[in-house]
Amino acid sequence: MERSLWVRNPDANLPSGDTNQNQSQRPDTFARLQQRGIDYARIKRIVQFECPQDRLLFAQWFKGRTIKQVLKQAAEWKAFLKKDVILSLSPDLKAQVERFVVGTELLACRALMEGSARVGPLDLRIICLPTRHDEQGRPVFINPDREIVAVHRETKEERRARLPGSRDLALQAEDLERAYKELRLWDQLSKGDLSRKLISKRSPQGWPVYTRLIIPRLYELMVPHYPFPGHRWARHGTKKGERLAQLPTVLLEDMLEILRLEHLYAFEQMTVPQLKAILQRDLARENPRNKSKKWPKN
């Protein structure tokens, strides 16, 4: 059962927006969030579970390379290893190379699947199928099979393909390819370069996956719980026309602690002013008055 963490007065005994406050006197991160009525499970979903992990890892490994190129090269390596006689002289070495090639192929297929929630007129989802039911009739999932379900948005036509649960690593990539071919979608999947949308030449804290996806969504979740007076009309205000701080310091400090907790390698060196600048740019993009206008034709 989901428990509500709302309290009667969410601002009681909480730090104010004073930047000179002694940080050592602040309650720990989880206690502060709980006092404000924020469920950390929702934060975890945004910063971890909804982060495109496989696509991000692929982009980091193969920057400038497309999924199609990597899958093609993996297939060539697998064909080569079947006929190889040199690496066969060292079975352990050959097994290590085979595992690396198969793991790379699987990463490419999983990155492909992770970015394929929509393919043409079809919406895709993946569901886990219960392996059995317990005495109370509740489903049990132990290495369950999965099913890819594709639904046409207009006609509601359904296509389904099954992925076996307990499979050797070497077969999982083949299973994914087979399933999408059964759905008649393999050739329609986008197999391009992922790096441009997710990472950049900047340090990780400036990568688009964080600045355009995770940080703005985390802000939208948390900002209603930090109702400090300000000079701007705020969408998160409880009253019409209420003027609240858009980016209170306490909110930024809590966001930065969460980002460091979940992605330390990316945000260890980030400062509060840097996080504020990212959010200011994002809010400016969302403001319809800041949308670029087309120049009139001569």
Protein backbone atom coordinates (compact mmCIF):
# COMPACT_ATOMS: atom_id res chain seq x y z
CA MET A 1 0.00 0.00 0.00
CA GLU A 2 1.29 3.43 -0.91
CA ARG A 3 1.67 5.73 2.06
CA SER A 4 1.17 9.46 1.86
CA LEU A 5 4.02 11.54 3.23
CA TRP A 6 2.08 14.79 3.37
CA VAL A 7 2.09 16.53 6.76
CA ARG A 8 -0.21 19.19 8.10
CA ASN A 9 2.34 22.00 7.80
CA PRO A 10 5.00 21.09 5.22
CA ASP A 11 7.10 24.16 6.07
CA ALA A 12 7.31 23.57 9.82
CA ASN A 13 10.87 23.36 11.14
CA LEU A 14 12.30 23.52 7.61
CA PRO A 15 15.21 25.71 6.51
CA SER A 16 14.36 29.03 4.97
CA GLY A 17 15.80 30.36 1.74
CA ASP A 18 18.68 32.01 3.63
CA THR A 19 21.93 31.05 1.88
CA ASN A 20 23.96 31.79 5.04
CA GLN A 21 22.30 29.03 7.01
CA ASN A 22 24.66 26.50 8.58
CA GLN A 23 24.34 23.41 6.35
CA SER A 24 25.29 21.08 9.20
CA GLN A 25 22.06 22.00 10.99
CA ARG A 26 19.87 20.78 8.12
CA PRO A 27 18.11 17.42 8.48
CA ASP A 28 19.34 14.70 6.14
CA THR A 29 18.02 14.66 2.57
CA PHE A 30 15.40 11.95 3.04
CA ALA A 31 14.01 13.54 6.22
CA ARG A 32 13.70 16.95 4.53
CA LEU A 33 11.91 15.46 1.53
CA GLN A 34 9.56 13.49 3.76
CA GLN A 35 8.75 16.60 5.78
CA ARG A 36 7.84 18.40 2.57
CA GLY A 37 5.56 15.58 1.44
CA ILE A 38 7.78 14.31 -1.38
CA ASP A 39 7.75 10.59 -2.04
CA TYR A 40 11.33 9.54 -2.86
CA ALA A 41 10.00 6.66 -4.95
CA ARG A 42 8.75 9.25 -7.46
CA ILE A 43 12.17 10.91 -7.50
CA LYS A 44 13.84 7.54 -8.03
CA ARG A 45 11.58 6.86 -10.98
CA ILE A 46 12.62 10.10 -12.68
CA VAL A 47 16.35 10.08 -12.01
CA GLN A 48 16.96 6.34 -12.45
CA PHE A 49 14.14 4.16 -13.77
CA GLU A 50 12.98 6.58 -16.49
CA CYS A 51 16.53 7.55 -17.45
CA PRO A 52 17.40 5.83 -20.77
CA GLN A 53 20.22 3.78 -19.21
CA ASP A 54 20.94 1.49 -22.16
CA ARG A 55 20.79 4.30 -24.71
CA LEU A 56 23.05 6.45 -22.53
CA LEU A 57 25.62 3.68 -22.12
CA PHE A 58 25.54 2.97 -25.86
CA ALA A 59 26.05 6.68 -26.62
CA GLN A 60 29.05 6.81 -24.27
CA TRP A 61 30.66 3.69 -25.72
CA PHE A 62 29.99 4.34 -29.39
CA LYS A 63 29.83 8.10 -29.76
CA GLY A 64 29.48 8.93 -33.45
CA ARG A 65 28.50 5.36 -34.36
CA THR A 66 24.98 4.24 -35.20
CA ILE A 67 23.15 1.25 -33.76
CA LYS A 68 22.99 -0.16 -37.30
CA GLN A 69 26.80 0.02 -37.63
CA VAL A 70 27.39 -1.69 -34.28
CA LEU A 71 24.89 -4.47 -34.99
CA LYS A 72 26.48 -5.07 -38.39
CA GLN A 73 29.97 -5.28 -36.89
CA ALA A 74 28.79 -7.58 -34.11
CA ALA A 75 27.30 -9.92 -36.72
CA GLU A 76 30.61 -9.89 -38.62
CA TRP A 77 32.54 -10.72 -35.45
CA LYS A 78 30.19 -13.60 -34.62
CA ALA A 79 30.60 -15.02 -38.11
CA PHE A 80 34.39 -14.63 -37.84
CA LEU A 81 34.55 -16.37 -34.45
CA LYS A 82 32.64 -19.37 -35.78
CA LYS A 83 35.37 -19.95 -38.41
CA ASP A 84 38.35 -18.82 -36.31
CA VAL A 85 41.20 -21.24 -35.65
CA ILE A 86 43.71 -18.88 -34.04
CA LEU A 87 41.75 -17.80 -30.97
CA SER A 88 40.63 -21.40 -30.63
CA LEU A 89 44.15 -22.19 -29.43
CA SER A 90 43.23 -20.24 -26.27
CA PRO A 91 39.67 -21.30 -25.35
CA ASP A 92 39.48 -18.91 -22.39
CA LEU A 93 40.50 -15.94 -24.53
CA LYS A 94 38.06 -16.90 -27.28
CA ALA A 95 35.24 -17.30 -24.74
CA GLN A 96 36.04 -13.85 -23.35
CA VAL A 97 35.92 -12.28 -26.82
CA GLU A 98 32.65 -14.07 -27.61
CA ARG A 99 31.06 -12.80 -24.39
CA PHE A 100 32.18 -9.24 -25.14
CA VAL A 101 30.79 -9.34 -28.69
CA VAL A 102 27.49 -10.87 -27.55
CA GLY A 103 27.21 -8.35 -24.69
CA THR A 104 27.82 -5.48 -27.11
CA GLU A 105 25.17 -6.79 -29.49
CA LEU A 106 22.71 -7.12 -26.62
CA LEU A 107 23.41 -3.56 -25.46
CA ALA A 108 22.68 -2.27 -28.98
CA CYS A 109 19.41 -4.23 -29.12
CA ARG A 110 18.33 -3.05 -25.68
CA ALA A 111 19.16 0.56 -26.57
CA LEU A 112 17.06 0.08 -29.70
CA MET A 113 14.16 -1.33 -27.67
CA GLU A 114 14.42 1.42 -25.04
CA GLY A 115 13.89 4.12 -27.67
CA SER A 116 11.02 2.41 -29.47
CA ALA A 117 7.91 3.30 -27.48
CA ARG A 118 6.45 4.63 -30.72
CA VAL A 119 7.10 3.25 -34.18
CA GLY A 120 5.11 4.90 -36.95
CA PRO A 121 1.39 4.65 -36.09
CA LEU A 122 2.03 2.04 -33.37
CA ASP A 123 2.45 2.45 -29.61
CA LEU A 124 4.64 -0.23 -28.03
CA ARG A 125 4.81 -1.50 -24.48
CA ILE A 126 6.46 -4.47 -22.80
CA ILE A 127 4.64 -6.54 -20.19
CA CYS A 128 5.92 -9.31 -17.92
CA LEU A 129 3.97 -12.57 -17.93
CA PRO A 130 3.57 -14.33 -14.55
CA THR A 131 5.35 -17.66 -14.21
CA ARG A 132 2.71 -18.91 -11.77
CA HIS A 133 0.19 -17.78 -9.14
CA ASP A 134 0.50 -18.29 -5.39
CA GLU A 135 -2.10 -19.71 -3.01
CA GLN A 136 -3.92 -16.36 -2.86
CA GLY A 137 -4.05 -16.14 -6.64
CA ARG A 138 -1.41 -13.41 -6.83
CA PRO A 139 0.95 -13.51 -9.82
CA VAL A 140 4.55 -14.58 -9.23
CA PHE A 141 7.35 -13.39 -11.50
CA ILE A 142 10.56 -15.48 -11.48
CA ASN A 143 12.58 -14.99 -14.68
CA PRO A 144 9.29 -14.28 -16.45
CA ASP A 145 8.69 -14.26 -20.17
CA ARG A 146 7.97 -10.82 -21.59
CA GLU A 147 5.62 -9.78 -24.33
CA ILE A 148 5.99 -6.84 -26.70
CA VAL A 149 2.56 -5.43 -27.49
CA ALA A 150 2.15 -3.05 -30.44
CA VAL A 151 -1.19 -1.21 -30.73
CA HIS A 152 -2.22 0.89 -33.73
CA ARG A 153 -3.33 4.29 -32.45
CA GLU A 154 -6.30 4.60 -34.84
CA THR A 155 -7.49 1.08 -35.69
CA LYS A 156 -6.49 -0.41 -32.28
CA GLU A 157 -5.07 -3.43 -34.11
CA GLU A 158 -2.72 -5.40 -31.82
CA ARG A 159 0.44 -7.29 -32.63
CA ARG A 160 2.22 -9.41 -30.02
CA ALA A 161 5.61 -11.12 -29.80
CA ARG A 162 7.03 -13.08 -26.89
CA LEU A 163 10.51 -12.88 -25.34
CA PRO A 164 11.60 -15.98 -23.35
CA GLY A 165 12.63 -15.21 -19.77
CA SER A 166 15.34 -17.75 -18.93
CA ARG A 167 17.73 -17.47 -21.85
CA ASP A 168 21.48 -17.58 -22.27
CA LEU A 169 23.09 -14.17 -22.84
CA ALA A 170 24.13 -15.24 -26.34
CA LEU A 171 20.49 -15.73 -27.36
CA GLN A 172 18.88 -12.61 -25.88
CA ALA A 173 19.87 -10.27 -28.72
CA GLU A 174 18.63 -12.82 -31.25
CA ASP A 175 15.35 -13.06 -29.34
CA LEU A 176 14.86 -9.29 -29.51
CA GLU A 177 15.56 -9.15 -33.24
CA ARG A 178 13.25 -12.11 -33.89
CA ALA A 179 10.45 -10.53 -31.84
CA TYR A 180 10.58 -7.22 -33.71
CA LYS A 181 10.65 -9.06 -37.02
CA GLU A 182 7.54 -10.98 -35.96
CA LEU A 183 5.92 -7.61 -35.29
CA ARG A 184 7.06 -6.49 -38.76
CA LEU A 185 8.84 -3.53 -37.17
CA TRP A 186 12.56 -4.40 -37.28
CA ASP A 187 13.27 -2.42 -40.46
CA GLN A 188 11.28 0.56 -39.17
CA LEU A 189 13.18 0.97 -35.92
CA SER A 190 15.46 4.00 -35.70
CA LYS A 191 19.02 2.71 -35.66
CA GLY A 192 20.89 6.02 -35.80
CA ASP A 193 23.50 7.78 -33.66
CA LEU A 194 22.21 8.28 -30.11
CA SER A 195 25.02 10.47 -28.86
CA ARG A 196 23.78 13.81 -30.20
CA LYS A 197 20.55 13.65 -28.19
CA LEU A 198 22.05 12.32 -24.97
CA ILE A 199 25.67 13.41 -24.52
CA SER A 200 27.99 16.16 -25.71
CA LYS A 201 31.62 17.28 -25.55
CA ARG A 202 30.90 19.01 -22.25
CA SER A 203 31.42 17.41 -18.85
CA PRO A 204 28.62 14.94 -17.92
CA GLN A 205 26.73 17.53 -15.85
CA GLY A 206 26.05 19.42 -19.09
CA TRP A 207 24.85 16.46 -21.15
CA PRO A 208 21.40 16.85 -22.76
CA VAL A 209 20.11 13.69 -21.05
CA TYR A 210 20.43 15.58 -17.76
CA THR A 211 19.84 19.21 -18.76
CA ARG A 212 16.87 18.58 -21.06
CA LEU A 213 15.31 15.49 -19.48
CA ILE A 214 16.13 14.57 -15.89
CA ILE A 215 16.74 17.99 -14.26
CA PRO A 216 13.59 19.71 -15.68
CA ARG A 217 11.38 16.75 -14.73
CA LEU A 218 12.85 16.62 -11.24
CA TYR A 219 12.21 20.35 -10.88
CA GLU A 220 8.57 20.00 -11.97
CA LEU A 221 8.05 17.29 -9.35
CA MET A 222 9.68 19.15 -6.48
CA VAL A 223 8.93 22.86 -6.97
CA PRO A 224 5.28 22.76 -5.70
CA HIS A 225 6.66 21.65 -2.32
CA TYR A 226 8.82 24.78 -1.90
CA PRO A 227 6.30 27.66 -1.74
CA PHE A 228 8.63 30.54 -0.82
CA PRO A 229 7.43 34.12 -1.55
CA GLY A 230 8.88 35.62 -4.71
CA HIS A 231 8.35 38.21 -7.43
CA ARG A 232 7.01 36.04 -10.25
CA TRP A 233 3.68 34.41 -10.93
CA ALA A 234 4.29 30.71 -10.51
CA ARG A 235 2.46 27.78 -12.11
CA HIS A 236 2.96 25.84 -8.90
CA GLY A 237 1.10 28.42 -6.81
CA THR A 238 -2.01 27.21 -5.00
CA LYS A 239 -3.82 30.52 -5.58
CA LYS A 240 -4.47 32.23 -8.89
CA GLY A 241 -1.81 34.84 -9.57
CA GLU A 242 0.20 33.79 -6.52
CA ARG A 243 3.76 35.14 -6.61
CA LEU A 244 6.33 32.58 -5.53
CA ALA A 245 10.05 32.11 -5.92
CA GLN A 246 10.66 30.18 -9.12
CA LEU A 247 14.05 28.87 -8.05
CA PRO A 248 14.40 29.08 -4.25
CA THR A 249 17.88 28.25 -2.99
CA VAL A 250 16.63 25.50 -0.68
CA LEU A 251 15.03 23.71 -3.63
CA LEU A 252 18.22 23.96 -5.68
CA GLU A 253 20.30 22.62 -2.78
CA ASP A 254 17.98 19.64 -2.32
CA MET A 255 17.94 18.92 -6.06
CA LEU A 256 21.73 19.00 -6.20
CA GLU A 257 22.00 16.58 -3.27
CA ILE A 258 19.63 14.18 -5.02
CA LEU A 259 21.55 14.40 -8.30
CA ARG A 260 24.83 13.72 -6.50
CA LEU A 261 23.29 10.81 -4.65
CA GLU A 262 21.98 9.18 -7.82
CA HIS A 263 24.61 10.25 -10.39
CA LEU A 264 27.74 11.19 -8.45
CA TYR A 265 30.09 10.81 -11.44
CA ALA A 266 28.13 13.50 -13.29
CA PHE A 267 27.29 16.01 -10.55
CA GLU A 268 30.11 15.78 -8.01
CA GLN A 269 31.60 19.10 -9.21
CA MET A 270 28.33 20.90 -9.98
CA THR A 271 27.47 24.02 -7.97
CA VAL A 272 24.10 25.53 -7.07
CA PRO A 273 24.60 28.51 -9.47
CA GLN A 274 25.29 26.08 -12.32
CA LEU A 275 22.12 24.11 -11.58
CA LYS A 276 20.18 27.37 -11.40
CA ALA A 277 21.51 28.44 -14.81
CA ILE A 278 20.36 25.14 -16.37
CA LEU A 279 16.84 25.59 -14.99
CA GLN A 280 16.70 29.25 -16.02
CA ARG A 281 17.49 28.25 -19.61
CA ASP A 282 14.85 25.54 -19.52
CA LEU A 283 12.20 27.86 -18.10
CA ALA A 284 13.08 30.44 -20.75
CA ARG A 285 12.57 27.83 -23.48
CA GLU A 286 9.14 26.99 -22.06
CA ASN A 287 8.06 30.64 -21.93
CA PRO A 288 5.95 31.27 -25.08
CA ARG A 289 7.17 34.88 -25.17
CA ASN A 290 10.69 33.59 -25.76
CA LYS A 291 9.80 31.38 -28.73
CA SER A 292 11.76 32.42 -31.79
CA LYS A 293 9.71 34.13 -34.48
CA LYS A 294 10.18 33.62 -38.19
CA TRP A 295 11.60 36.59 -40.04
CA PRO A 296 9.14 38.09 -42.54
CA LYS A 297 9.85 37.37 -46.18
CA ASN A 298 11.16 40.24 -48.26
